[in-house]
Amino acid sequence: MLLRHSLHLPIVSSYSHKSNRVPNTSGYIKFQTRYRENLRYLRTLTIIDPKTKPEDLPLPNDVDHIIRTLAFLKSRSFSDADIPRLNYLTPELFSTAVVPSDVSAVFNFLADELPSTASESRDLILRCPKLLFSNVDHCLRPTLQFLRQVGIQELNKPTTRNAHLLNTRVDKLHAKVEFLQELGFSKEEALRACARLPAIFGYDVENNLWPKYVYLVKEMQRDLEELKKFPQYFGFSLKERIVPRHLHLKERGVSIPLNRMLMWGDEKFYKKWK
């Protein structure tokens, strides 16, 4: 009798078939209503594909788990409008394999060591959601320390441009410094160039940096010293900016410094050298 009471089980009498009482199912109905409402909510956020068949829908416990993850994100300044992007780029965030404690260390790191406000952390993560799955000790902290040693001023004010930098392991950052050294930069010159153009850390050597360098010395016949003065050259598109402007000037027999060739807007550039 005590066991039945503790489990809230009805006591079935031998005369129960004569009773006119209707079983209380209000709790079950509320449970089902909440489950259906949560499913609709997750569909609006694209976490559940609207085309998902009923038999493939997540179980109630799984839905509750996702709802808790959403509540955690909202406590960190995320809104419903942010969720589709997070789900598209990192769907694993909304799986039962991830709990808020798995990613809270990243939020703590951004707040304490960058440091960034809740809104700035949100913007960084929206820019690069994979930050949430980066290891603080093995990736984020060593990368931040290296970038500060290089002297990248952008880190003094967290911006979305920092997001992918923070999510880049130190060995990849070192590889770009070594590439510049192979071209003829000293280590100090290479570090200064990276500080002036932090985006260089995200460029692929084989498909981006190297072709631009080859075009600079072979086709444009410019020397390394000019590149050292204007490492921002690597930040411009070879196809859309560098080649068209070089050919335009070559046809007119005009020679100008790299910065004037590339920094000016199209209207000013082509109006100056018609």
Protein backbone atom coordinates (compact mmCIF):
# COMPACT_ATOMS: atom_id res chain seq x y z
CA MET A 1 0.00 0.00 0.00
CA LEU A 2 2.91 2.38 0.79
CA LEU A 3 4.53 1.69 -2.59
CA ARG A 4 1.33 2.53 -4.41
CA HIS A 5 0.99 5.77 -2.51
CA SER A 6 4.59 6.83 -3.27
CA LEU A 7 4.12 6.21 -6.99
CA HIS A 8 0.72 7.92 -7.05
CA LEU A 9 -0.89 4.80 -8.45
CA PRO A 10 -4.67 4.45 -8.08
CA ILE A 11 -5.86 1.82 -5.65
CA VAL A 12 -7.96 -0.58 -7.63
CA SER A 13 -10.93 -1.94 -5.73
CA SER A 14 -12.65 -5.20 -6.51
CA TYR A 15 -15.75 -3.08 -7.04
CA SER A 16 -14.06 -0.58 -9.32
CA HIS A 17 -16.03 -1.77 -12.35
CA LYS A 18 -19.12 -0.33 -10.69
CA SER A 19 -17.52 3.10 -10.18
CA ASN A 20 -18.58 6.02 -12.37
CA ARG A 21 -15.29 7.92 -11.83
CA VAL A 22 -13.41 9.07 -14.96
CA PRO A 23 -9.60 8.65 -14.83
CA ASN A 24 -7.72 11.96 -14.46
CA THR A 25 -5.78 12.41 -17.70
CA SER A 26 -5.23 16.18 -17.47
CA GLY A 27 -1.54 15.75 -16.72
CA TYR A 28 -1.04 13.60 -19.79
CA ILE A 29 -2.96 16.04 -21.97
CA LYS A 30 -0.84 18.93 -20.76
CA PHE A 31 2.30 16.91 -21.43
CA GLN A 32 1.17 16.14 -24.98
CA THR A 33 0.21 19.77 -25.59
CA ARG A 34 3.58 21.02 -24.41
CA TYR A 35 5.37 18.46 -26.57
CA ARG A 36 3.43 19.51 -29.68
CA GLU A 37 4.06 23.18 -28.95
CA ASN A 38 7.78 22.55 -28.54
CA LEU A 39 7.87 20.65 -31.83
CA ARG A 40 6.22 23.58 -33.61
CA TYR A 41 8.69 25.96 -31.98
CA LEU A 42 11.70 23.88 -33.07
CA ARG A 43 10.31 23.75 -36.60
CA THR A 44 10.13 27.55 -36.75
CA LEU A 45 13.80 27.68 -35.75
CA THR A 46 14.69 25.07 -38.46
CA ILE A 47 16.10 22.75 -35.79
CA ILE A 48 13.44 20.26 -36.91
CA ASP A 49 12.83 20.01 -40.63
CA PRO A 50 9.14 20.74 -41.31
CA LYS A 51 9.12 17.76 -43.66
CA THR A 52 10.16 15.31 -40.94
CA LYS A 53 7.83 12.33 -40.80
CA PRO A 54 5.98 11.75 -37.50
CA GLU A 55 7.83 8.52 -36.84
CA ASP A 56 11.16 10.35 -37.21
CA LEU A 57 10.41 13.18 -34.78
CA PRO A 58 12.63 13.43 -31.69
CA LEU A 59 11.33 11.90 -28.50
CA PRO A 60 9.94 14.14 -25.74
CA ASN A 61 13.07 13.86 -23.61
CA ASP A 62 15.22 14.85 -26.59
CA VAL A 63 12.98 17.82 -27.31
CA ASP A 64 13.24 18.94 -23.69
CA HIS A 65 17.03 18.69 -23.95
CA ILE A 66 17.08 20.97 -27.00
CA ILE A 67 14.78 23.44 -25.27
CA ARG A 68 17.25 23.62 -22.36
CA THR A 69 20.08 24.32 -24.81
CA LEU A 70 18.04 27.13 -26.34
CA ALA A 71 17.34 28.57 -22.91
CA PHE A 72 21.09 28.58 -22.20
CA LEU A 73 21.84 30.41 -25.46
CA LYS A 74 19.15 32.98 -24.77
CA SER A 75 20.72 33.64 -21.40
CA ARG A 76 23.86 34.55 -23.38
CA SER A 77 22.15 37.23 -25.51
CA PHE A 78 21.12 35.02 -28.45
CA SER A 79 17.66 35.47 -29.93
CA ASP A 80 15.37 33.20 -31.94
CA ALA A 81 16.53 34.98 -35.09
CA ASP A 82 20.12 33.79 -34.42
CA ILE A 83 19.28 30.10 -34.07
CA PRO A 84 18.83 29.11 -37.76
CA ARG A 85 22.39 30.22 -38.54
CA LEU A 86 23.79 28.30 -35.57
CA ASN A 87 21.81 25.24 -36.55
CA TYR A 88 22.91 25.44 -40.20
CA LEU A 89 26.62 25.76 -39.41
CA THR A 90 26.77 23.64 -36.23
CA PRO A 91 23.74 21.32 -36.09
CA GLU A 92 25.52 19.22 -33.48
CA LEU A 93 24.90 22.05 -31.01
CA PHE A 94 21.26 20.99 -30.89
CA SER A 95 21.87 17.29 -30.47
CA THR A 96 21.52 15.35 -27.25
CA ALA A 97 25.29 14.79 -27.33
CA VAL A 98 25.91 18.42 -26.32
CA VAL A 99 24.94 20.02 -23.03
CA PRO A 100 25.40 23.70 -22.09
CA SER A 101 28.30 22.87 -19.79
CA ASP A 102 30.21 21.63 -22.86
CA VAL A 103 30.32 25.13 -24.38
CA SER A 104 30.14 27.34 -21.30
CA ALA A 105 33.96 27.36 -21.07
CA VAL A 106 34.12 29.20 -24.40
CA PHE A 107 31.72 31.87 -23.17
CA ASN A 108 33.80 32.25 -20.00
CA PHE A 109 36.99 32.58 -22.03
CA LEU A 110 35.55 35.25 -24.32
CA ALA A 111 34.21 37.21 -21.36
CA ASP A 112 37.23 36.93 -19.08
CA GLU A 113 40.27 36.78 -21.35
CA LEU A 114 39.42 38.63 -24.55
CA PRO A 115 37.48 40.33 -22.84
CA SER A 116 34.12 40.78 -24.53
CA THR A 117 30.63 41.71 -23.46
CA ALA A 118 27.77 39.23 -23.80
CA SER A 119 26.70 40.99 -26.99
CA GLU A 120 30.24 40.94 -28.42
CA SER A 121 30.60 37.23 -27.60
CA ARG A 122 27.31 36.57 -29.36
CA ASP A 123 28.53 38.40 -32.47
CA LEU A 124 31.83 36.50 -32.48
CA ILE A 125 30.05 33.15 -32.22
CA LEU A 126 27.51 34.03 -34.88
CA ARG A 127 30.40 34.92 -37.18
CA CYS A 128 32.17 31.64 -36.41
CA PRO A 129 29.88 29.17 -34.59
CA LYS A 130 32.63 26.55 -34.53
CA LEU A 131 34.23 28.65 -31.80
CA LEU A 132 31.82 26.90 -29.45
CA PHE A 133 33.60 23.60 -30.04
CA SER A 134 37.17 24.90 -29.77
CA ASN A 135 39.24 23.75 -26.85
CA VAL A 136 40.12 26.71 -24.65
CA ASP A 137 43.43 25.34 -23.38
CA HIS A 138 44.70 23.84 -26.63
CA CYS A 139 43.42 26.34 -29.18
CA LEU A 140 41.77 29.55 -28.04
CA ARG A 141 44.13 30.65 -25.28
CA PRO A 142 47.41 29.87 -27.12
CA THR A 143 46.06 31.57 -30.25
CA LEU A 144 45.04 34.68 -28.33
CA GLN A 145 48.46 34.86 -26.70
CA PHE A 146 50.24 34.52 -30.05
CA LEU A 147 48.10 37.18 -31.72
CA ARG A 148 48.78 39.58 -28.86
CA GLN A 149 52.51 38.92 -29.15
CA VAL A 150 52.30 39.75 -32.85
CA GLY A 151 50.73 43.05 -31.87
CA ILE A 152 47.35 42.84 -33.57
CA GLN A 153 45.53 45.93 -32.32
CA GLU A 154 42.12 44.64 -33.40
CA LEU A 155 42.12 42.35 -30.36
CA ASN A 156 41.77 45.38 -28.09
CA LYS A 157 38.22 45.73 -29.40
CA PRO A 158 36.43 42.43 -30.10
CA THR A 159 34.92 42.44 -33.59
CA THR A 160 33.53 39.76 -35.83
CA ARG A 161 36.77 39.91 -37.82
CA ASN A 162 38.50 38.35 -34.80
CA ALA A 163 36.30 35.27 -34.75
CA HIS A 164 38.06 33.14 -37.35
CA LEU A 165 41.45 34.31 -36.10
CA LEU A 166 40.67 33.06 -32.61
CA ASN A 167 39.56 29.74 -34.03
CA THR A 168 42.86 29.19 -35.88
CA ARG A 169 45.47 27.01 -34.24
CA VAL A 170 48.88 28.50 -33.56
CA ASP A 171 50.71 26.15 -35.94
CA LYS A 172 48.66 27.52 -38.85
CA LEU A 173 49.45 31.07 -37.77
CA HIS A 174 53.16 30.24 -37.64
CA ALA A 175 52.93 28.80 -41.17
CA LYS A 176 52.01 32.22 -42.60
CA VAL A 177 54.91 33.88 -40.81
CA GLU A 178 57.25 31.20 -42.18
CA PHE A 179 55.87 31.72 -45.69
CA LEU A 180 56.78 35.41 -45.57
CA GLN A 181 60.23 34.51 -44.28
CA GLU A 182 60.71 32.16 -47.23
CA LEU A 183 59.95 35.09 -49.55
CA GLY A 184 62.72 37.11 -47.93
CA PHE A 185 61.10 38.83 -44.97
CA SER A 186 62.99 38.75 -41.70
CA LYS A 187 61.01 37.28 -38.80
CA GLU A 188 60.42 40.76 -37.38
CA GLU A 189 59.28 42.05 -40.78
CA ALA A 190 56.98 39.06 -41.22
CA LEU A 191 55.38 39.61 -37.82
CA ARG A 192 54.89 43.32 -38.54
CA ALA A 193 53.31 42.48 -41.90
CA CYS A 194 50.87 40.09 -40.20
CA ALA A 195 50.03 42.73 -37.61
CA ARG A 196 49.19 45.17 -40.42
CA LEU A 197 47.16 42.56 -42.29
CA PRO A 198 45.76 40.02 -39.78
CA ALA A 199 43.57 38.56 -42.53
CA ILE A 200 46.73 37.00 -43.97
CA PHE A 201 46.46 34.30 -41.31
CA GLY A 202 43.27 33.07 -42.95
CA TYR A 203 44.57 32.99 -46.54
CA ASP A 204 45.62 29.75 -48.21
CA VAL A 205 49.27 29.81 -49.25
CA GLU A 206 49.05 27.68 -52.39
CA ASN A 207 45.86 29.11 -53.85
CA ASN A 208 46.03 32.70 -52.64
CA LEU A 209 49.29 34.08 -51.29
CA TRP A 210 51.75 32.34 -53.61
CA PRO A 211 49.95 33.21 -56.93
CA LYS A 212 49.76 36.86 -55.85
CA TYR A 213 53.47 36.92 -55.07
CA VAL A 214 54.37 35.29 -58.39
CA TYR A 215 52.25 37.83 -60.29
CA LEU A 216 53.89 40.67 -58.36
CA VAL A 217 57.46 39.75 -59.25
CA LYS A 218 57.01 38.16 -62.68
CA GLU A 219 54.20 40.06 -64.36
CA MET A 220 54.30 43.35 -62.48
CA GLN A 221 58.10 43.24 -62.09
CA ARG A 222 58.00 44.74 -58.64
CA ASP A 223 60.47 43.83 -55.90
CA LEU A 224 60.19 42.45 -52.40
CA GLU A 225 60.91 45.80 -50.74
CA GLU A 226 57.73 47.25 -52.16
CA LEU A 227 55.79 44.30 -50.75
CA LYS A 228 57.36 44.86 -47.34
CA LYS A 229 56.14 48.45 -47.41
CA PHE A 230 52.64 47.41 -48.46
CA PRO A 231 51.84 43.85 -47.27
CA GLN A 232 48.15 44.77 -47.62
CA TYR A 233 48.71 43.80 -51.26
CA PHE A 234 47.88 40.24 -50.23
CA GLY A 235 44.44 41.37 -49.11
CA PHE A 236 43.24 42.30 -52.61
CA SER A 237 41.70 39.94 -55.15
CA LEU A 238 44.15 38.89 -57.85
CA LYS A 239 41.44 38.41 -60.45
CA GLU A 240 39.11 41.28 -59.58
CA ARG A 241 41.54 44.00 -58.52
CA ILE A 242 45.24 43.38 -59.01
CA VAL A 243 45.35 42.07 -62.58
CA PRO A 244 42.80 44.50 -64.13
CA ARG A 245 44.45 47.54 -62.59
CA HIS A 246 47.95 46.44 -63.48
CA LEU A 247 46.99 45.86 -67.11
CA HIS A 248 45.12 49.17 -67.22
CA LEU A 249 48.21 51.05 -66.06
CA LYS A 250 50.54 49.03 -68.29
CA GLU A 251 48.55 49.94 -71.40
CA ARG A 252 49.00 53.61 -70.50
CA GLY A 253 52.66 53.33 -69.54
CA VAL A 254 51.93 54.45 -66.00
CA SER A 255 53.91 53.30 -62.96
CA ILE A 256 52.65 54.10 -59.47
CA PRO A 257 53.22 52.66 -55.98
CA LEU A 258 51.24 49.58 -54.99
CA ASN A 259 49.17 51.39 -52.40
CA ARG A 260 47.94 54.00 -54.89
CA MET A 261 47.25 51.30 -57.43
CA LEU A 262 45.07 49.24 -55.09
CA MET A 263 43.73 51.44 -52.32
CA TRP A 264 41.79 53.91 -54.45
CA GLY A 265 38.17 53.17 -55.28
CA ASP A 266 37.26 52.28 -58.86
CA GLU A 267 35.75 55.65 -59.70
CA LYS A 268 38.77 57.60 -58.50
CA PHE A 269 41.28 55.17 -59.99
CA TYR A 270 39.82 54.91 -63.49
CA LYS A 271 39.00 58.62 -63.62
CA LYS A 272 42.62 59.47 -62.77
CA TRP A 273 44.05 57.14 -65.41
CA LYS A 274 41.57 57.10 -68.26
